[in-house]
């Protein structure tokens, strides 16, 4: 136990309570996602599995950071994907979008101006859009081809303001879709190793593949 922690005195109980509350709110948000997961996957999966181009993730702010991670996970597990910042898309980056792509747009409010504008551009190109939103009655939801309900009872922070539980469910939904696509594509350890030749993951998978070949 550090001196800094001891120096908090009676505040230690409040700090620990806030930490436990945050975890409980996050768990509740994931349980809520789990209660509607089957329908979400059934709606989004056909578009993603049938995508002949790339899966393009877009967002801004904290949801945008989540989108970057989702794009990286998809790309490393057999689904070519990249992230476009919604704001930058309105200043030329939308040119990277092509016929055959699928867009996943992330916005908790579903009203983020830049996200909606980029989605409208995608729709004009005939590119289908999957919206990950916390409000299924929002402008973004109305624009989308498929709507994934990412709503949570509340954020995890004490003020119920910071993107916390809402970004957690979006991140997990991205992982869920990546895992479903891996399974459908019979994505193997050998496939994974090809895109992870360096670092600890590459070394671990090389060792695993050597063992399997013996």
Protein backbone atom coordinates (compact mmCIF):
# COMPACT_ATOMS: atom_id res chain seq x y z
CA UNK A 1 0.00 0.00 0.00
CA UNK A 2 1.61 3.28 -1.10
CA UNK A 3 1.94 6.44 0.94
CA UNK A 4 -0.17 8.27 -1.63
CA UNK A 5 -3.01 5.82 -1.11
CA UNK A 6 -2.75 6.02 2.67
CA UNK A 7 -2.74 9.82 2.44
CA UNK A 8 -6.26 9.74 1.01
CA UNK A 9 -7.54 8.82 4.46
CA UNK A 10 -11.32 8.62 4.62
CA UNK A 11 -11.54 9.29 0.88
CA UNK A 12 -10.24 5.79 0.17
CA UNK A 13 -13.69 4.31 0.67
CA UNK A 14 -15.25 6.80 -1.74
CA UNK A 15 -12.61 6.14 -4.37
CA UNK A 16 -13.02 2.38 -4.10
CA UNK A 17 -16.81 2.72 -4.23
CA UNK A 18 -16.52 4.75 -7.43
CA UNK A 19 -14.22 2.12 -8.94
CA UNK A 20 -16.63 -0.71 -8.11
CA UNK A 21 -19.61 1.32 -9.33
CA UNK A 22 -17.87 1.93 -12.63
CA UNK A 23 -17.18 -1.76 -13.12
CA UNK A 24 -20.77 -2.66 -12.25
CA UNK A 25 -22.13 -0.13 -14.75
CA UNK A 26 -19.83 -1.52 -17.45
CA UNK A 27 -20.94 -5.08 -16.68
CA UNK A 28 -24.60 -4.05 -16.77
CA UNK A 29 -24.05 -2.44 -20.18
CA UNK A 30 -22.47 -5.63 -21.51
CA UNK A 31 -25.28 -7.76 -20.11
CA UNK A 32 -27.78 -5.49 -21.88
CA UNK A 33 -25.83 -5.93 -25.12
CA UNK A 34 -25.86 -9.68 -24.58
CA UNK A 35 -29.64 -9.70 -24.27
CA UNK A 36 -30.01 -8.44 -27.86
CA UNK A 37 -26.85 -9.86 -29.41
CA UNK A 38 -28.36 -12.60 -31.57
CA UNK A 39 -30.56 -10.23 -33.55
CA UNK A 40 -27.72 -7.71 -33.87
CA UNK A 41 -25.36 -10.29 -35.35
CA UNK A 42 -28.03 -11.74 -37.65
CA UNK A 43 -28.73 -8.26 -39.06
CA UNK A 44 -25.14 -7.09 -39.55
CA UNK A 45 -23.34 -10.30 -40.46
CA UNK A 46 -24.65 -10.79 -44.02
CA UNK A 47 -23.47 -7.33 -45.10
CA UNK A 48 -20.03 -7.84 -43.60
CA UNK A 49 -19.52 -11.41 -44.79
CA UNK A 50 -20.68 -10.53 -48.28
CA UNK A 51 -18.55 -7.39 -48.51
CA UNK A 52 -16.53 -7.50 -51.71
CA UNK A 53 -14.46 -4.46 -50.80
CA UNK A 54 -13.32 -3.16 -47.44
CA UNK A 55 -15.17 -2.53 -44.21
CA UNK A 56 -14.76 1.20 -43.53
CA UNK A 57 -15.21 2.31 -39.93
CA UNK A 58 -16.01 5.95 -39.20
CA UNK A 59 -16.54 8.03 -36.10
CA UNK A 60 -15.28 11.05 -34.24
CA UNK A 61 -14.06 11.63 -30.69
CA UNK A 62 -14.01 8.62 -28.35
CA UNK A 63 -16.19 6.50 -30.68
CA UNK A 64 -13.66 7.25 -33.39
CA UNK A 65 -10.88 5.84 -31.21
CA UNK A 66 -12.99 2.72 -30.76
CA UNK A 67 -13.48 2.59 -34.52
CA UNK A 68 -9.73 2.58 -35.07
CA UNK A 69 -9.41 -0.47 -32.86
CA UNK A 70 -12.30 -2.28 -34.55
CA UNK A 71 -10.76 -1.65 -37.98
CA UNK A 72 -7.40 -2.99 -36.79
CA UNK A 73 -9.00 -6.11 -35.31
CA UNK A 74 -11.02 -6.84 -38.45
CA UNK A 75 -7.98 -6.41 -40.70
CA UNK A 76 -5.83 -8.73 -38.61
CA UNK A 77 -8.50 -11.44 -38.54
CA UNK A 78 -9.34 -11.77 -42.21
CA UNK A 79 -11.66 -8.86 -42.96
CA UNK A 80 -9.87 -6.03 -44.80
CA UNK A 81 -10.82 -2.81 -43.04
CA UNK A 82 -9.65 0.72 -42.37
CA UNK A 83 -10.73 3.74 -40.34
CA UNK A 84 -11.74 7.14 -41.73
CA UNK A 85 -12.17 10.03 -39.30
CA UNK A 86 -15.58 11.49 -40.09
CA UNK A 87 -14.28 15.05 -40.01
CA UNK A 88 -11.39 14.28 -42.36
CA UNK A 89 -13.82 12.44 -44.64
CA UNK A 90 -15.55 15.75 -45.31
CA UNK A 91 -12.23 17.25 -46.39
CA UNK A 92 -11.22 14.70 -49.01
CA UNK A 93 -10.72 11.37 -47.23
CA UNK A 94 -14.14 10.20 -48.39
CA UNK A 95 -12.42 9.60 -51.72
CA UNK A 96 -11.06 6.36 -50.24
CA UNK A 97 -14.59 4.91 -50.18
CA UNK A 98 -15.36 2.65 -53.14
CA UNK A 99 -18.21 0.59 -54.55
CA UNK A 100 -18.34 -2.77 -52.81
CA UNK A 101 -17.34 -1.37 -49.43
CA UNK A 102 -19.46 -1.45 -46.28
CA UNK A 103 -19.43 1.40 -43.75
CA UNK A 104 -19.76 0.97 -39.99
CA UNK A 105 -20.62 4.36 -38.46
CA UNK A 106 -20.27 4.79 -34.70
CA UNK A 107 -22.06 7.55 -32.78
CA UNK A 108 -23.63 7.18 -29.36
CA UNK A 109 -26.02 10.09 -29.88
CA UNK A 110 -26.65 9.22 -33.51
CA UNK A 111 -26.66 12.93 -34.29
CA UNK A 112 -22.96 13.66 -34.81
CA UNK A 113 -22.95 16.05 -37.77
CA UNK A 114 -19.75 14.82 -39.42
CA UNK A 115 -20.69 11.16 -39.08
CA UNK A 116 -24.14 11.71 -40.57
CA UNK A 117 -22.68 13.75 -43.44
CA UNK A 118 -20.19 11.02 -44.34
CA UNK A 119 -22.93 8.40 -44.14
CA UNK A 120 -25.07 10.45 -46.53
CA UNK A 121 -22.11 10.49 -48.92
CA UNK A 122 -21.78 6.70 -48.63
CA UNK A 123 -25.47 6.21 -49.32
CA UNK A 124 -25.25 8.37 -52.46
CA UNK A 125 -22.49 6.01 -53.63
CA UNK A 126 -24.70 2.99 -52.98
CA UNK A 127 -22.52 1.81 -50.09
CA UNK A 128 -24.51 0.10 -47.31
CA UNK A 129 -24.14 1.46 -43.78
CA UNK A 130 -24.23 -0.29 -40.42
CA UNK A 131 -24.91 2.24 -37.64
CA UNK A 132 -23.72 1.52 -34.10
CA UNK A 133 -25.82 3.96 -32.09
CA UNK A 134 -27.05 4.56 -28.58
CA UNK A 135 -30.29 6.05 -29.92
CA UNK A 136 -32.17 3.93 -32.44
CA UNK A 137 -34.52 6.83 -33.24
CA UNK A 138 -31.66 9.15 -34.24
CA UNK A 139 -30.83 10.71 -37.59
CA UNK A 140 -27.97 8.26 -38.14
CA UNK A 141 -30.19 5.27 -37.38
CA UNK A 142 -32.75 6.50 -39.90
CA UNK A 143 -30.06 6.77 -42.58
CA UNK A 144 -28.52 3.36 -41.99
CA UNK A 145 -29.11 0.08 -43.79
CA UNK A 146 -28.72 -1.85 -40.52
CA UNK A 147 -28.97 -0.44 -37.00
CA UNK A 148 -27.10 -1.96 -34.05
CA UNK A 149 -28.56 -0.85 -30.73
CA UNK A 150 -25.63 0.14 -28.49
CA UNK A 151 -27.71 1.92 -25.87
CA UNK A 152 -26.73 1.67 -22.21
CA UNK A 153 -28.62 2.47 -19.02
CA UNK A 154 -25.94 5.00 -18.09
CA UNK A 155 -22.27 5.78 -18.51
CA UNK A 156 -19.87 4.31 -15.96
CA UNK A 157 -18.38 7.55 -14.63
CA UNK A 158 -19.81 9.23 -11.49
CA UNK A 159 -21.23 12.12 -13.53
CA UNK A 160 -22.84 9.90 -16.17
CA UNK A 161 -21.20 12.06 -18.82
CA UNK A 162 -17.90 10.59 -20.06
CA UNK A 163 -18.03 8.02 -22.88
CA UNK A 164 -17.28 4.89 -20.86
CA UNK A 165 -19.96 2.18 -20.87
CA UNK A 166 -21.11 3.29 -24.33
CA UNK A 167 -17.63 2.94 -25.82
CA UNK A 168 -17.16 -0.40 -24.06
CA UNK A 169 -20.23 -1.94 -25.73
CA UNK A 170 -19.16 -0.55 -29.11
CA UNK A 171 -15.69 -2.06 -28.69
CA UNK A 172 -17.12 -5.40 -27.66
CA UNK A 173 -19.58 -5.40 -30.57
CA UNK A 174 -16.65 -4.92 -32.92
CA UNK A 175 -14.87 -7.90 -31.34
CA UNK A 176 -18.05 -10.00 -31.57
CA UNK A 177 -18.41 -9.30 -35.29
CA UNK A 178 -14.73 -10.00 -35.93
CA UNK A 179 -14.97 -13.36 -34.15
CA UNK A 180 -18.12 -14.31 -36.05
CA UNK A 181 -16.43 -13.45 -39.36
CA UNK A 182 -13.31 -15.43 -38.41
CA UNK A 183 -15.45 -18.49 -37.77
CA UNK A 184 -17.41 -18.16 -41.00
CA UNK A 185 -14.18 -17.79 -43.00
CA UNK A 186 -12.43 -20.68 -41.21
CA UNK A 187 -9.67 -18.22 -40.36
CA UNK A 188 -6.80 -20.31 -38.98
CA UNK A 189 -3.75 -19.82 -36.79
CA UNK A 190 -1.67 -19.93 -39.97
CA UNK A 191 -3.76 -17.11 -41.44
CA UNK A 192 -3.32 -15.11 -38.24
CA UNK A 193 0.44 -15.63 -38.27
CA UNK A 194 0.73 -14.31 -41.82
CA UNK A 195 -0.53 -10.91 -40.66
CA UNK A 196 1.44 -11.03 -37.37
CA UNK A 197 4.95 -12.07 -38.41
CA UNK A 198 6.69 -9.99 -35.73
CA UNK A 199 6.51 -9.57 -31.99
CA UNK A 200 5.29 -11.92 -29.28
CA UNK A 201 2.15 -12.94 -31.21
CA UNK A 202 4.17 -13.97 -34.23
CA UNK A 203 6.64 -15.96 -32.14
CA UNK A 204 3.87 -17.71 -30.22
CA UNK A 205 1.99 -18.69 -33.35
CA UNK A 206 5.14 -19.87 -35.13
CA UNK A 207 5.78 -22.17 -32.18
CA UNK A 208 2.19 -23.41 -32.25
CA UNK A 209 2.32 -24.11 -35.97
CA UNK A 210 5.62 -26.00 -35.56
CA UNK A 211 4.03 -28.21 -32.90
CA UNK A 212 0.97 -28.87 -35.08
CA UNK A 213 3.15 -29.91 -38.03
CA UNK A 214 4.99 -32.57 -36.04
